[in-house]
Structure formats: C-alpha cells, structure tokens
Amino acid sequence: AEGGFDVCVEGQCRPAGCDRVLGSDSKLDQCGVCGGRGEACQRVSGSIDRTNYGYNTVVTFPRGAMEIVVQQVPLQARDDNYLAAKTEDNGYIFNDRSEER
C-alpha cells in the first residue's frame, strides 16, 4: 500500500494511517510529518568551488532528510574530484576512495 503503514491482522491487510491507527487516513506531509501541513520542512544546501587535497565536507544532511538531490559538476575538463557520502559513524555510503591512495 502507498505509504507503507498498512497492518496485517490474522492474514488480512488492513489500511492504517501514518499514526498507525487502523482505518485512519492520516498521511505524511511533504516534510515527513504525520498529519502535518508542510510547515516543518527545512532546506539544506551547500556548494564548494575550491577544494583541499582529500575529503572536503560540503553539507551535512539532518537525520530523516528526504528528497535529497546531489550533483557533481566538473571544475574543469579533467576533474580528479569524487563525490562521496558518509554515514554518521563515518562509514561510506558510496565512493570511499581513501583506500586507493
């Protein structure tokens, strides 16, 4: 089901809202707040045009961030920069190139 809040009871899937109440039609708003009105969204953005050798922090996404758009635009024809993303505990989600050096 859309939203993923339905609950299976005795082998029957029953609709539930984001409040996890059976039969509720509560929905997440665009900010991810159950029953919200879209007023809690916070835009987070960042850019960088100079880099130091190694990894450079550009932006930190808050926990629960949704609809994330990340773009890497080459600084020149040959670009030796790589986009990477880390978790809160410093594990890499993608492009951990530190071991290649």
PDB file of N, CA and C in Angstrom:
ATOM      1  N   ALA A   1       0.836  -1.194   0.000  1.00  0.00           N
ATOM      2  CA  ALA A   1       0.000   0.000   0.000  1.00  0.00           C
ATOM      3  C   ALA A   1       0.867   1.238   0.000  1.00  0.00           C
ATOM      4  N   GLU A   2       0.353   2.313  -0.530  1.00  0.00           N
ATOM      5  CA  GLU A   2       1.082   3.569  -0.582  1.00  0.00           C
ATOM      6  C   GLU A   2       1.333   4.072   0.838  1.00  0.00           C
ATOM      7  N   GLY A   3       2.556   4.473   1.115  1.00  0.00           N
ATOM      8  CA  GLY A   3       2.888   4.955   2.443  1.00  0.00           C
ATOM      9  C   GLY A   3       3.431   3.876   3.349  1.00  0.00           C
ATOM     10  N   GLY A   4       3.048   2.627   3.115  1.00  0.00           N
ATOM     11  CA  GLY A   4       3.611   1.516   3.861  1.00  0.00           C
ATOM     12  C   GLY A   4       3.170   1.404   5.304  1.00  0.00           C
ATOM     13  N   PHE A   5       1.999   1.904   5.666  1.00  0.00           N
ATOM     14  CA  PHE A   5       1.558   1.841   7.053  1.00  0.00           C
ATOM     15  C   PHE A   5       0.490   0.790   7.298  1.00  0.00           C
ATOM     16  N   ASP A   6       0.048   0.094   6.241  1.00  0.00           N
ATOM     17  CA  ASP A   6      -0.978  -0.930   6.414  1.00  0.00           C
ATOM     18  C   ASP A   6      -0.482  -2.003   7.376  1.00  0.00           C
ATOM     19  N   VAL A   7      -1.420  -2.638   8.053  1.00  0.00           N
ATOM     20  CA  VAL A   7      -1.100  -3.650   9.058  1.00  0.00           C
ATOM     21  C   VAL A   7      -1.833  -4.932   8.703  1.00  0.00           C
ATOM     22  N   CYS A   8      -1.139  -6.064   8.815  1.00  0.00           N
ATOM     23  CA  CYS A   8      -1.784  -7.354   8.571  1.00  0.00           C
ATOM     24  C   CYS A   8      -2.256  -7.928   9.904  1.00  0.00           C
ATOM     25  N   VAL A   9      -3.531  -8.258   9.958  1.00  0.00           N
ATOM     26  CA  VAL A   9      -4.143  -8.820  11.162  1.00  0.00           C
ATOM     27  C   VAL A   9      -4.821 -10.120  10.768  1.00  0.00           C
ATOM     28  N   GLU A  10      -4.374 -11.228  11.354  1.00  0.00           N
ATOM     29  CA  GLU A  10      -4.927 -12.540  11.069  1.00  0.00           C
ATOM     30  C   GLU A  10      -4.977 -12.814   9.574  1.00  0.00           C
ATOM     31  N   GLY A  11      -3.902 -12.470   8.882  1.00  0.00           N
ATOM     32  CA  GLY A  11      -3.774 -12.746   7.458  1.00  0.00           C
ATOM     33  C   GLY A  11      -4.477 -11.753   6.547  1.00  0.00           C
ATOM     34  N   GLN A  12      -5.094 -10.753   7.087  1.00  0.00           N
ATOM     35  CA  GLN A  12      -5.791  -9.728   6.307  1.00  0.00           C
ATOM     36  C   GLN A  12      -5.051  -8.404   6.451  1.00  0.00           C
ATOM     37  N   CYS A  13      -4.699  -7.808   5.304  1.00  0.00           N
ATOM     38  CA  CYS A  13      -4.069  -6.487   5.355  1.00  0.00           C
ATOM     39  C   CYS A  13      -5.145  -5.431   5.525  1.00  0.00           C
ATOM     40  N   ARG A  14      -4.934  -4.563   6.486  1.00  0.00           N
ATOM     41  CA  ARG A  14      -5.897  -3.509   6.789  1.00  0.00           C
ATOM     42  C   ARG A  14      -5.224  -2.156   6.649  1.00  0.00           C
ATOM     43  N   PRO A  15      -5.932  -1.191   6.086  1.00  0.00           N
ATOM     44  CA  PRO A  15      -5.337   0.142   5.929  1.00  0.00           C
ATOM     45  C   PRO A  15      -5.149   0.831   7.280  1.00  0.00           C
ATOM     46  N   ALA A  16      -4.026   1.509   7.389  1.00  0.00           N
ATOM     47  CA  ALA A  16      -3.732   2.300   8.584  1.00  0.00           C
ATOM     48  C   ALA A  16      -3.064   3.586   8.133  1.00  0.00           C
ATOM     49  N   GLY A  17      -3.214   4.609   8.924  1.00  0.00           N
ATOM     50  CA  GLY A  17      -2.569   5.876   8.612  1.00  0.00           C
ATOM     51  C   GLY A  17      -1.156   5.911   9.150  1.00  0.00           C
ATOM     52  N   CYS A  18      -0.484   7.027   8.917  1.00  0.00           N
ATOM     53  CA  CYS A  18       0.886   7.174   9.430  1.00  0.00           C
ATOM     54  C   CYS A  18       0.906   7.183  10.951  1.00  0.00           C
ATOM     55  N   ASP A  19      -0.245   7.408  11.575  1.00  0.00           N
ATOM     56  CA  ASP A  19      -0.354   7.344  13.034  1.00  0.00           C
ATOM     57  C   ASP A  19      -0.469   5.895  13.516  1.00  0.00           C
ATOM     58  N   ARG A  20      -0.455   4.963  12.553  1.00  0.00           N
ATOM     59  CA  ARG A  20      -0.522   3.520  12.795  1.00  0.00           C
ATOM     60  C   ARG A  20      -1.845   3.080  13.431  1.00  0.00           C
ATOM     61  N   VAL A  21      -2.888   3.856  13.205  1.00  0.00           N
ATOM     62  CA  VAL A  21      -4.220   3.518  13.685  1.00  0.00           C
ATOM     63  C   VAL A  21      -4.981   2.893  12.527  1.00  0.00           C
ATOM     64  N   LEU A  22      -5.542   1.687  12.746  1.00  0.00           N
ATOM     65  CA  LEU A  22      -6.313   1.017  11.707  1.00  0.00           C
ATOM     66  C   LEU A  22      -7.475   1.892  11.267  1.00  0.00           C
ATOM     67  N   GLY A  23      -7.643   2.011   9.946  1.00  0.00           N
ATOM     68  CA  GLY A  23      -8.735   2.789   9.395  1.00  0.00           C
ATOM     69  C   GLY A  23      -8.475   4.286   9.340  1.00  0.00           C
ATOM     70  N   SER A  24      -7.381   4.744   9.906  1.00  0.00           N
ATOM     71  CA  SER A  24      -7.057   6.170   9.889  1.00  0.00           C
ATOM     72  C   SER A  24      -6.614   6.573   8.489  1.00  0.00           C
ATOM     73  N   ASP A  25      -6.917   7.785   8.095  1.00  0.00           N
ATOM     74  CA  ASP A  25      -6.448   8.262   6.802  1.00  0.00           C
ATOM     75  C   ASP A  25      -5.341   9.307   6.972  1.00  0.00           C
ATOM     76  N   SER A  26      -4.710   9.344   8.150  1.00  0.00           N
ATOM     77  CA  SER A  26      -3.584  10.261   8.381  1.00  0.00           C
ATOM     78  C   SER A  26      -2.471   9.945   7.405  1.00  0.00           C
ATOM     79  N   LYS A  27      -1.889  10.991   6.842  1.00  0.00           N
ATOM     80  CA  LYS A  27      -0.821  10.841   5.850  1.00  0.00           C
ATOM     81  C   LYS A  27       0.384  11.682   6.243  1.00  0.00           C
ATOM     82  N   LEU A  28       1.535  11.275   5.716  1.00  0.00           N
ATOM     83  CA  LEU A  28       2.742  12.086   5.884  1.00  0.00           C
ATOM     84  C   LEU A  28       2.644  13.292   4.953  1.00  0.00           C
ATOM     85  N   ASP A  29       3.024  14.458   5.447  1.00  0.00           N
ATOM     86  CA  ASP A  29       3.079  15.626   4.560  1.00  0.00           C
ATOM     87  C   ASP A  29       4.416  15.612   3.813  1.00  0.00           C
ATOM     88  N   GLN A  30       4.673  16.613   2.987  1.00  0.00           N
ATOM     89  CA  GLN A  30       5.897  16.627   2.189  1.00  0.00           C
ATOM     90  C   GLN A  30       7.158  16.753   3.040  1.00  0.00           C
ATOM     91  N   CYS A  31       6.997  17.091   4.312  1.00  0.00           N
ATOM     92  CA  CYS A  31       8.147  17.188   5.215  1.00  0.00           C
ATOM     93  C   CYS A  31       8.360  15.899   6.006  1.00  0.00           C
ATOM     94  N   GLY A  32       7.463  14.923   5.811  1.00  0.00           N
ATOM     95  CA  GLY A  32       7.574  13.657   6.520  1.00  0.00           C
ATOM     96  C   GLY A  32       6.924  13.667   7.892  1.00  0.00           C
ATOM     97  N   VAL A  33       6.083  14.657   8.177  1.00  0.00           N
ATOM     98  CA  VAL A  33       5.405  14.762   9.460  1.00  0.00           C
ATOM     99  C   VAL A  33       4.010  14.153   9.323  1.00  0.00           C
ATOM    100  N   CYS A  34       3.689  13.224  10.207  1.00  0.00           N
ATOM    101  CA  CYS A  34       2.379  12.578  10.171  1.00  0.00           C
ATOM    102  C   CYS A  34       1.300  13.593  10.513  1.00  0.00           C
ATOM    103  N   GLY A  35       0.363  13.764   9.586  1.00  0.00           N
ATOM    104  CA  GLY A  35      -0.725  14.701   9.794  1.00  0.00           C
ATOM    105  C   GLY A  35      -0.311  16.160   9.724  1.00  0.00           C
ATOM    106  N   GLY A  36       0.917  16.411   9.280  1.00  0.00           N
ATOM    107  CA  GLY A  36       1.417  17.783   9.215  1.00  0.00           C
ATOM    108  C   GLY A  36       0.844  18.560   8.046  1.00  0.00           C
ATOM    109  N   ARG A  37       1.182  19.859   8.023  1.00  0.00           N
ATOM    110  CA  ARG A  37       0.690  20.750   6.977  1.00  0.00           C
ATOM    111  C   ARG A  37       1.814  21.268   6.081  1.00  0.00           C
ATOM    112  N   GLY A  38       2.972  20.602   6.113  1.00  0.00           N
ATOM    113  CA  GLY A  38       4.075  21.006   5.246  1.00  0.00           C
ATOM    114  C   GLY A  38       4.823  22.222   5.744  1.00  0.00           C
ATOM    115  N   GLU A  39       4.731  22.497   7.032  1.00  0.00           N
ATOM    116  CA  GLU A  39       5.363  23.688   7.585  1.00  0.00           C
ATOM    117  C   GLU A  39       6.688  23.412   8.276  1.00  0.00           C
ATOM    118  N   ALA A  40       7.060  22.140   8.408  1.00  0.00           N
ATOM    119  CA  ALA A  40       8.262  21.808   9.168  1.00  0.00           C
ATOM    120  C   ALA A  40       9.480  21.568   8.277  1.00  0.00           C
ATOM    121  N   CYS A  41       9.323  21.724   6.967  1.00  0.00           N
ATOM    122  CA  CYS A  41      10.441  21.463   6.060  1.00  0.00           C
ATOM    123  C   CYS A  41      11.555  22.475   6.267  1.00  0.00           C
ATOM    124  N   GLN A  42      12.778  21.998   6.112  1.00  0.00           N
ATOM    125  CA  GLN A  42      13.950  22.859   6.216  1.00  0.00           C
ATOM    126  C   GLN A  42      14.837  22.554   5.027  1.00  0.00           C
ATOM    127  N   ARG A  43      15.138  23.548   4.209  1.00  0.00           N
ATOM    128  CA  ARG A  43      16.018  23.352   3.057  1.00  0.00           C
ATOM    129  C   ARG A  43      17.459  23.428   3.533  1.00  0.00           C
ATOM    130  N   VAL A  44      18.245  22.442   3.120  1.00  0.00           N
ATOM    131  CA  VAL A  44      19.667  22.400   3.430  1.00  0.00           C
ATOM    132  C   VAL A  44      20.401  22.344   2.106  1.00  0.00           C
ATOM    133  N   SER A  45      21.357  23.234   1.905  1.00  0.00           N
ATOM    134  CA  SER A  45      22.096  23.217   0.647  1.00  0.00           C
ATOM    135  C   SER A  45      23.532  23.630   0.902  1.00  0.00           C
ATOM    136  N   GLY A  46      24.362  23.330  -0.057  1.00  0.00           N
ATOM    137  CA  GLY A  46      25.762  23.714   0.044  1.00  0.00           C
ATOM    138  C   GLY A  46      26.432  23.582  -1.301  1.00  0.00           C
ATOM    139  N   SER A  47      27.526  24.269  -1.455  1.00  0.00           N
ATOM    140  CA  SER A  47      28.324  24.143  -2.669  1.00  0.00           C
ATOM    141  C   SER A  47      29.770  24.444  -2.312  1.00  0.00           C
ATOM    142  N   ILE A  48      30.640  24.046  -3.197  1.00  0.00           N
ATOM    143  CA  ILE A  48      32.063  24.255  -2.969  1.00  0.00           C
ATOM    144  C   ILE A  48      32.715  24.534  -4.317  1.00  0.00           C
ATOM    145  N   ASP A  49      33.604  25.498  -4.361  1.00  0.00           N
ATOM    146  CA  ASP A  49      34.293  25.786  -5.620  1.00  0.00           C
ATOM    147  C   ASP A  49      35.813  25.695  -5.470  1.00  0.00           C
ATOM    148  N   ARG A  50      36.282  25.462  -4.272  1.00  0.00           N
ATOM    149  CA  ARG A  50      37.714  25.220  -4.026  1.00  0.00           C
ATOM    150  C   ARG A  50      37.823  23.997  -3.138  1.00  0.00           C
ATOM    151  N   THR A  51      38.826  23.222  -3.360  1.00  0.00           N
ATOM    152  CA  THR A  51      38.997  22.031  -2.537  1.00  0.00           C
ATOM    153  C   THR A  51      40.416  21.960  -2.014  1.00  0.00           C
ATOM    154  N   ASN A  52      40.546  21.329  -0.888  1.00  0.00           N
ATOM    155  CA  ASN A  52      41.854  20.964  -0.358  1.00  0.00           C
ATOM    156  C   ASN A  52      42.040  19.492  -0.667  1.00  0.00           C
ATOM    157  N   TYR A  53      43.258  19.034  -0.733  1.00  0.00           N
ATOM    158  CA  TYR A  53      43.504  17.621  -1.007  1.00  0.00           C
ATOM    159  C   TYR A  53      42.786  16.783   0.042  1.00  0.00           C
ATOM    160  N   GLY A  54      42.164  15.714  -0.396  1.00  0.00           N
ATOM    161  CA  GLY A  54      41.430  14.821   0.497  1.00  0.00           C
ATOM    162  C   GLY A  54      39.949  15.145   0.477  1.00  0.00           C
ATOM    163  N   TYR A  55      39.244  14.616   1.454  1.00  0.00           N
ATOM    164  CA  TYR A  55      37.801  14.819   1.526  1.00  0.00           C
ATOM    165  C   TYR A  55      37.483  16.194   2.097  1.00  0.00           C
ATOM    166  N   ASN A  56      36.474  16.839   1.538  1.00  0.00           N
ATOM    167  CA  ASN A  56      36.016  18.150   1.985  1.00  0.00           C
ATOM    168  C   ASN A  56      34.529  18.069   2.283  1.00  0.00           C
ATOM    169  N   THR A  57      34.127  18.495   3.469  1.00  0.00           N
ATOM    170  CA  THR A  57      32.710  18.498   3.812  1.00  0.00           C
ATOM    171  C   THR A  57      32.038  19.672   3.120  1.00  0.00           C
ATOM    172  N   VAL A  58      30.963  19.382   2.406  1.00  0.00           N
ATOM    173  CA  VAL A  58      30.214  20.417   1.711  1.00  0.00           C
ATOM    174  C   VAL A  58      28.916  20.696   2.454  1.00  0.00           C
ATOM    175  N   VAL A  59      28.205  19.659   2.817  1.00  0.00           N
ATOM    176  CA  VAL A  59      26.935  19.823   3.514  1.00  0.00           C
ATOM    177  C   VAL A  59      26.678  18.580   4.364  1.00  0.00           C
ATOM    178  N   THR A  60      25.976  18.769   5.472  1.00  0.00           N
ATOM    179  CA  THR A  60      25.550  17.669   6.327  1.00  0.00           C
ATOM    180  C   THR A  60      24.032  17.643   6.310  1.00  0.00           C
ATOM    181  N   PHE A  61      23.481  16.519   5.883  1.00  0.00           N
ATOM    182  CA  PHE A  61      22.023  16.378   5.845  1.00  0.00           C
ATOM    183  C   PHE A  61      21.527  15.967   7.218  1.00  0.00           C
ATOM    184  N   PRO A  62      20.480  16.592   7.708  1.00  0.00           N
ATOM    185  CA  PRO A  62      19.939  16.200   9.011  1.00  0.00           C
ATOM    186  C   PRO A  62      19.305  14.810   8.959  1.00  0.00           C
ATOM    187  N   ARG A  63      19.278  14.154  10.092  1.00  0.00           N
ATOM    188  CA  ARG A  63      18.633  12.837  10.185  1.00  0.00           C
ATOM    189  C   ARG A  63      17.205  12.945   9.678  1.00  0.00           C
ATOM    190  N   GLY A  64      16.795  11.978   8.880  1.00  0.00           N
ATOM    191  CA  GLY A  64      15.438  11.951   8.346  1.00  0.00           C
ATOM    192  C   GLY A  64      15.253  12.775   7.087  1.00  0.00           C
ATOM    193  N   ALA A  65      16.342  13.325   6.539  1.00  0.00           N
ATOM    194  CA  ALA A  65      16.233  14.147   5.327  1.00  0.00           C
ATOM    195  C   ALA A  65      15.585  13.337   4.207  1.00  0.00           C
ATOM    196  N   MET A  66      14.764  14.015   3.412  1.00  0.00           N
ATOM    197  CA  MET A  66      14.031  13.379   2.327  1.00  0.00           C
ATOM    198  C   MET A  66      14.257  14.166   1.051  1.00  0.00           C
ATOM    199  N   GLU A  67      14.026  13.521  -0.082  1.00  0.00           N
ATOM    200  CA  GLU A  67      14.121  14.167  -1.389  1.00  0.00           C
ATOM    201  C   GLU A  67      15.454  14.887  -1.570  1.00  0.00           C
ATOM    202  N   ILE A  68      16.515  14.149  -1.368  1.00  0.00           N
ATOM    203  CA  ILE A  68      17.867  14.694  -1.474  1.00  0.00           C
ATOM    204  C   ILE A  68      18.309  14.694  -2.932  1.00  0.00           C
ATOM    205  N   VAL A  69      18.827  15.817  -3.389  1.00  0.00           N
ATOM    206  CA  VAL A  69      19.374  15.937  -4.734  1.00  0.00           C
ATOM    207  C   VAL A  69      20.828  16.363  -4.590  1.00  0.00           C
ATOM    208  N   VAL A  70      21.720  15.563  -5.166  1.00  0.00           N
ATOM    209  CA  VAL A  70      23.145  15.852  -5.104  1.00  0.00           C
ATOM    210  C   VAL A  70      23.686  15.830  -6.524  1.00  0.00           C
ATOM    211  N   GLN A  71      24.445  16.863  -6.889  1.00  0.00           N
ATOM    212  CA  GLN A  71      25.041  16.923  -8.219  1.00  0.00           C
ATOM    213  C   GLN A  71      26.520  17.261  -8.097  1.00  0.00           C
ATOM    214  N   GLN A  72      27.301  16.648  -8.947  1.00  0.00           N
ATOM    215  CA  GLN A  72      28.719  16.984  -9.040  1.00  0.00           C
ATOM    216  C   GLN A  72      28.965  17.566 -10.422  1.00  0.00           C
ATOM    217  N   VAL A  73      29.431  18.788 -10.438  1.00  0.00           N
ATOM    218  CA  VAL A  73      29.722  19.477 -11.687  1.00  0.00           C
ATOM    219  C   VAL A  73      31.240  19.565 -11.800  1.00  0.00           C
ATOM    220  N   PRO A  74      31.828  19.041 -12.891  1.00  0.00           N
ATOM    221  CA  PRO A  74      33.285  19.092 -13.030  1.00  0.00           C
ATOM    222  C   PRO A  74      33.802  20.531 -12.993  1.00  0.00           C
ATOM    223  N   LEU A  75      34.904  20.743 -12.295  1.00  0.00           N
ATOM    224  CA  LEU A  75      35.501  22.069 -12.209  1.00  0.00           C
ATOM    225  C   LEU A  75      36.293  22.413 -13.465  1.00  0.00           C
ATOM    226  N   GLN A  76      36.666  21.402 -14.210  1.00  0.00           N
ATOM    227  CA  GLN A  76      37.434  21.601 -15.439  1.00  0.00           C
ATOM    228  C   GLN A  76      37.253  20.359 -16.306  1.00  0.00           C
ATOM    229  N   ALA A  77      37.873  20.358 -17.480  1.00  0.00           N
ATOM    230  CA  ALA A  77      37.717  19.217 -18.394  1.00  0.00           C
ATOM    231  C   ALA A  77      38.157  17.915 -17.725  1.00  0.00           C
ATOM    232  N   ARG A  78      39.278  17.911 -17.057  1.00  0.00           N
ATOM    233  CA  ARG A  78      39.734  16.732 -16.300  1.00  0.00           C
ATOM    234  C   ARG A  78      39.548  17.049 -14.824  1.00  0.00           C
ATOM    235  N   ASP A  79      38.690  16.325 -14.187  1.00  0.00           N
ATOM    236  CA  ASP A  79      38.357  16.593 -12.796  1.00  0.00           C
ATOM    237  C   ASP A  79      38.711  15.370 -11.963  1.00  0.00           C
ATOM    238  N   ASP A  80      39.625  15.536 -11.039  1.00  0.00           N
ATOM    239  CA  ASP A  80      40.039  14.432 -10.170  1.00  0.00           C
ATOM    240  C   ASP A  80      39.271  14.422  -8.847  1.00  0.00           C
ATOM    241  N   ASN A  81      38.170  15.138  -8.796  1.00  0.00           N
ATOM    242  CA  ASN A  81      37.347  15.159  -7.588  1.00  0.00           C
ATOM    243  C   ASN A  81      36.292  14.076  -7.677  1.00  0.00           C
ATOM    244  N   TYR A  82      35.940  13.524  -6.529  1.00  0.00           N
ATOM    245  CA  TYR A  82      34.929  12.480  -6.460  1.00  0.00           C
ATOM    246  C   TYR A  82      33.908  12.845  -5.400  1.00  0.00           C
ATOM    247  N   LEU A  83      32.662  12.611  -5.710  1.00  0.00           N
ATOM    248  CA  LEU A  83      31.583  12.828  -4.768  1.00  0.00           C
ATOM    249  C   LEU A  83      31.470  11.591  -3.889  1.00  0.00           C
ATOM    250  N   ALA A  84      31.360  11.791  -2.589  1.00  0.00           N
ATOM    251  CA  ALA A  84      31.222  10.677  -1.661  1.00  0.00           C
ATOM    252  C   ALA A  84      30.198  11.061  -0.603  1.00  0.00           C
ATOM    253  N   ALA A  85      29.617  10.069   0.038  1.00  0.00           N
ATOM    254  CA  ALA A  85      28.663  10.302   1.117  1.00  0.00           C
ATOM    255  C   ALA A  85      29.002   9.378   2.274  1.00  0.00           C
ATOM    256  N   LYS A  86      28.979   9.946   3.473  1.00  0.00           N
ATOM    257  CA  LYS A  86      29.302   9.184   4.677  1.00  0.00           C
ATOM    258  C   LYS A  86      28.096   9.125   5.612  1.00  0.00           C
ATOM    259  N   THR A  87      28.099   8.112   6.459  1.00  0.00           N
ATOM    260  CA  THR A  87      27.079   7.971   7.494  1.00  0.00           C
ATOM    261  C   THR A  87      27.542   8.712   8.741  1.00  0.00           C
ATOM    262  N   GLU A  88      26.667   8.799   9.735  1.00  0.00           N
ATOM    263  CA  GLU A  88      27.016   9.481  10.982  1.00  0.00           C
ATOM    264  C   GLU A  88      28.222   8.856  11.674  1.00  0.00           C
ATOM    265  N   ASP A  89      28.405   7.545  11.508  1.00  0.00           N
ATOM    266  CA  ASP A  89      29.533   6.878  12.158  1.00  0.00           C
ATOM    267  C   ASP A  89      30.749   6.793  11.234  1.00  0.00           C
ATOM    268  N   ASN A  90      30.796   7.667  10.222  1.00  0.00           N
ATOM    269  CA  ASN A  90      31.921   7.802   9.289  1.00  0.00           C
ATOM    270  C   ASN A  90      32.115   6.630   8.342  1.00  0.00           C
ATOM    271  N   GLY A  91      31.108   5.786   8.179  1.00  0.00           N
ATOM    272  CA  GLY A  91      31.151   4.768   7.137  1.00  0.00           C
ATOM    273  C   GLY A  91      30.715   5.412   5.825  1.00  0.00           C
ATOM    274  N   TYR A  92      31.211   4.912   4.725  1.00  0.00           N
ATOM    275  CA  TYR A  92      30.858   5.490   3.440  1.00  0.00           C
ATOM    276  C   TYR A  92      29.649   4.804   2.829  1.00  0.00           C
ATOM    277  N   ILE A  93      28.742   5.595   2.282  1.00  0.00           N
ATOM    278  CA  ILE A  93      27.591   5.064   1.571  1.00  0.00           C
ATOM    279  C   ILE A  93      28.005   4.730   0.148  1.00  0.00           C
ATOM    280  N   PHE A  94      28.806   5.600  -0.471  1.00  0.00           N
ATOM    281  CA  PHE A  94      29.355   5.331  -1.796  1.00  0.00           C
ATOM    282  C   PHE A  94      30.632   6.129  -1.997  1.00  0.00           C
ATOM    283  N   ASN A  95      31.477   5.619  -2.890  1.00  0.00           N
ATOM    284  CA  ASN A  95      32.714   6.264  -3.326  1.00  0.00           C
ATOM    285  C   ASN A  95      33.754   6.482  -2.237  1.00  0.00           C
ATOM    286  N   ASP A  96      34.007   5.471  -1.430  1.00  0.00           N
ATOM    287  CA  ASP A  96      35.116   5.548  -0.491  1.00  0.00           C
ATOM    288  C   ASP A  96      36.396   5.277  -1.271  1.00  0.00           C
ATOM    289  N   ARG A  97      37.079   6.323  -1.667  1.00  0.00           N
ATOM    290  CA  ARG A  97      38.285   6.193  -2.458  1.00  0.00           C
ATOM    291  C   ARG A  97      39.538   6.330  -1.600  1.00  0.00           C
ATOM    292  N   SER A  98      39.402   6.432  -0.294  1.00  0.00           N
ATOM    293  CA  SER A  98      40.557   6.643   0.586  1.00  0.00           C
ATOM    294  C   SER A  98      41.536   5.475   0.542  1.00  0.00           C
ATOM    295  N   GLU A  99      41.054   4.278   0.273  1.00  0.00           N
ATOM    296  CA  GLU A  99      41.936   3.107   0.244  1.00  0.00           C
ATOM    297  C   GLU A  99      42.693   2.971  -1.062  1.00  0.00           C
ATOM    298  N   GLU A 100      42.341   3.775  -2.078  1.00  0.00           N
ATOM    299  CA  GLU A 100      43.005   3.669  -3.381  1.00  0.00           C
ATOM    300  C   GLU A 100      44.280   4.476  -3.416  1.00  0.00           C
ATOM    301  N   ARG A 101      44.526   5.325  -2.453  1.00  0.00           N
ATOM    302  CA  ARG A 101      45.696   6.219  -2.474  1.00  0.00           C
ATOM    303  C   ARG A 101      46.895   5.571  -1.864  1.00  0.00           C
TER     304      ARG A 101
END
